[in-house]
Amino acid sequence: MEKEQIQKIIEKYRRKSMQFRRYSDEKCAFFERVADDIEDNIHIFIDNFYETEDDILEDVKESFTEVDDFFDDENPIDNLF
């Protein structure tokens, strides 16, 4: 995808993160997290491998799962060192 297309996706999720009347606080926080992750890693998504928004979202959700699994341990702070 091209940078401009990806920036539109980021803007879409930022807008959704502000729609508190439509979505729960948890869902709005999730949308903000998605936008942040895409923005932080935009250089990865500017590639022919990522052709659609769904391709990017699949990758983002997978990265969230990895991080969440990491912090599911009993003593997550121990895993940071």
C-alpha atoms as a PDB file:
ATOM      1  CA  MET A   1       0.000   0.000   0.000  1.00  0.00           C
ATOM      2  CA  GLU A   2       1.017   3.573  -0.443  1.00  0.00           C
ATOM      3  CA  LYS A   3       1.668   5.897   2.478  1.00  0.00           C
ATOM      4  CA  GLU A   4      -1.399   8.052   1.721  1.00  0.00           C
ATOM      5  CA  GLN A   5      -3.697   5.009   1.800  1.00  0.00           C
ATOM      6  CA  ILE A   6      -2.250   3.897   5.129  1.00  0.00           C
ATOM      7  CA  GLN A   7      -2.627   7.379   6.599  1.00  0.00           C
ATOM      8  CA  LYS A   8      -6.323   7.277   5.683  1.00  0.00           C
ATOM      9  CA  ILE A   9      -6.657   4.009   7.606  1.00  0.00           C
ATOM     10  CA  ILE A  10      -4.959   5.620  10.616  1.00  0.00           C
ATOM     11  CA  GLU A  11      -7.353   8.580  10.403  1.00  0.00           C
ATOM     12  CA  LYS A  12     -10.323   6.209  10.169  1.00  0.00           C
ATOM     13  CA  TYR A  13      -9.381   4.441  13.396  1.00  0.00           C
ATOM     14  CA  ARG A  14      -8.613   7.716  15.173  1.00  0.00           C
ATOM     15  CA  ARG A  15     -12.130   8.935  14.274  1.00  0.00           C
ATOM     16  CA  LYS A  16     -13.655   5.667  15.469  1.00  0.00           C
ATOM     17  CA  SER A  17     -11.701   5.962  18.737  1.00  0.00           C
ATOM     18  CA  MET A  18     -13.507   9.242  19.449  1.00  0.00           C
ATOM     19  CA  GLN A  19     -17.029   7.858  18.943  1.00  0.00           C
ATOM     20  CA  PHE A  20     -17.798   7.148  22.588  1.00  0.00           C
ATOM     21  CA  ARG A  21     -21.547   7.235  22.072  1.00  0.00           C
ATOM     22  CA  ARG A  22     -21.353   4.538  19.427  1.00  0.00           C
ATOM     23  CA  TYR A  23     -18.666   2.288  20.920  1.00  0.00           C
ATOM     24  CA  SER A  24     -17.711   1.240  24.430  1.00  0.00           C
ATOM     25  CA  ASP A  25     -14.704   2.810  26.140  1.00  0.00           C
ATOM     26  CA  GLU A  26     -12.853  -0.466  25.653  1.00  0.00           C
ATOM     27  CA  LYS A  27     -13.589  -0.512  21.929  1.00  0.00           C
ATOM     28  CA  CYS A  28     -12.549   3.141  21.548  1.00  0.00           C
ATOM     29  CA  ALA A  29      -9.276   2.387  23.326  1.00  0.00           C
ATOM     30  CA  PHE A  30      -8.766  -0.563  20.997  1.00  0.00           C
ATOM     31  CA  PHE A  31      -9.290   1.644  17.930  1.00  0.00           C
ATOM     32  CA  GLU A  32      -6.768   4.145  19.301  1.00  0.00           C
ATOM     33  CA  ARG A  33      -4.316   1.311  19.893  1.00  0.00           C
ATOM     34  CA  VAL A  34      -4.787   0.118  16.298  1.00  0.00           C
ATOM     35  CA  ALA A  35      -4.164   3.626  14.931  1.00  0.00           C
ATOM     36  CA  ASP A  36      -1.063   4.036  17.107  1.00  0.00           C
ATOM     37  CA  ASP A  37       0.363   0.688  16.062  1.00  0.00           C
ATOM     38  CA  ILE A  38      -0.173   1.346  12.365  1.00  0.00           C
ATOM     39  CA  GLU A  39       1.322   4.825  12.691  1.00  0.00           C
ATOM     40  CA  ASP A  40       4.336   3.569  14.646  1.00  0.00           C
ATOM     41  CA  ASN A  41       5.009   0.870  12.054  1.00  0.00           C
ATOM     42  CA  ILE A  42       3.922   2.639   8.884  1.00  0.00           C
ATOM     43  CA  HIS A  43       7.279   1.907   7.263  1.00  0.00           C
ATOM     44  CA  ILE A  44       6.494  -1.820   7.477  1.00  0.00           C
ATOM     45  CA  PHE A  45       3.119  -1.469   5.791  1.00  0.00           C
ATOM     46  CA  ILE A  46       4.398   0.547   2.824  1.00  0.00           C
ATOM     47  CA  ASP A  47       4.937  -2.567   0.819  1.00  0.00           C
ATOM     48  CA  ASN A  48       3.324  -4.590  -1.936  1.00  0.00           C
ATOM     49  CA  PHE A  49       2.677  -7.420   0.532  1.00  0.00           C
ATOM     50  CA  TYR A  50       0.018  -5.287   2.225  1.00  0.00           C
ATOM     51  CA  GLU A  51      -2.612  -4.702  -0.408  1.00  0.00           C
ATOM     52  CA  THR A  52      -5.705  -4.001   1.718  1.00  0.00           C
ATOM     53  CA  GLU A  53      -6.764  -2.611   5.071  1.00  0.00           C
ATOM     54  CA  ASP A  54      -7.584  -6.159   6.156  1.00  0.00           C
ATOM     55  CA  ASP A  55      -3.998  -7.250   5.466  1.00  0.00           C
ATOM     56  CA  ILE A  56      -2.726  -4.526   7.774  1.00  0.00           C
ATOM     57  CA  LEU A  57      -5.335  -5.205  10.470  1.00  0.00           C
ATOM     58  CA  GLU A  58      -4.518  -8.908  10.461  1.00  0.00           C
ATOM     59  CA  ASP A  59      -0.870  -8.098  11.123  1.00  0.00           C
ATOM     60  CA  VAL A  60      -1.719  -5.529  13.818  1.00  0.00           C
ATOM     61  CA  LYS A  61      -4.075  -7.912  15.632  1.00  0.00           C
ATOM     62  CA  GLU A  62      -1.428 -10.629  15.537  1.00  0.00           C
ATOM     63  CA  SER A  63       1.096  -8.296  17.135  1.00  0.00           C
ATOM     64  CA  PHE A  64      -1.438  -7.449  19.873  1.00  0.00           C
ATOM     65  CA  THR A  65      -1.950 -11.150  20.567  1.00  0.00           C
ATOM     66  CA  GLU A  66       1.787 -11.677  20.938  1.00  0.00           C
ATOM     67  CA  VAL A  67       2.120  -8.791  23.394  1.00  0.00           C
ATOM     68  CA  ASP A  68      -0.983  -9.799  25.361  1.00  0.00           C
ATOM     69  CA  ASP A  69       0.277 -13.389  25.606  1.00  0.00           C
ATOM     70  CA  PHE A  70       3.590 -12.076  26.903  1.00  0.00           C
ATOM     71  CA  PHE A  71       1.889 -10.176  29.729  1.00  0.00           C
ATOM     72  CA  ASP A  72      -0.468 -13.014  30.653  1.00  0.00           C
ATOM     73  CA  ASP A  73       2.253 -14.648  32.749  1.00  0.00           C
ATOM     74  CA  GLU A  74       1.917 -14.582  36.538  1.00  0.00           C
ATOM     75  CA  ASN A  75       4.812 -12.157  36.998  1.00  0.00           C
ATOM     76  CA  PRO A  76       5.030 -10.158  33.785  1.00  0.00           C
ATOM     77  CA  ILE A  77       7.571  -7.732  35.203  1.00  0.00           C
ATOM     78  CA  ASP A  78      10.036 -10.629  35.506  1.00  0.00           C
ATOM     79  CA  ASN A  79       9.857 -11.106  31.750  1.00  0.00           C
ATOM     80  CA  LEU A  80      11.078  -7.583  31.077  1.00  0.00           C
ATOM     81  CA  PHE A  81      14.602  -8.269  32.298  1.00  0.00           C
END
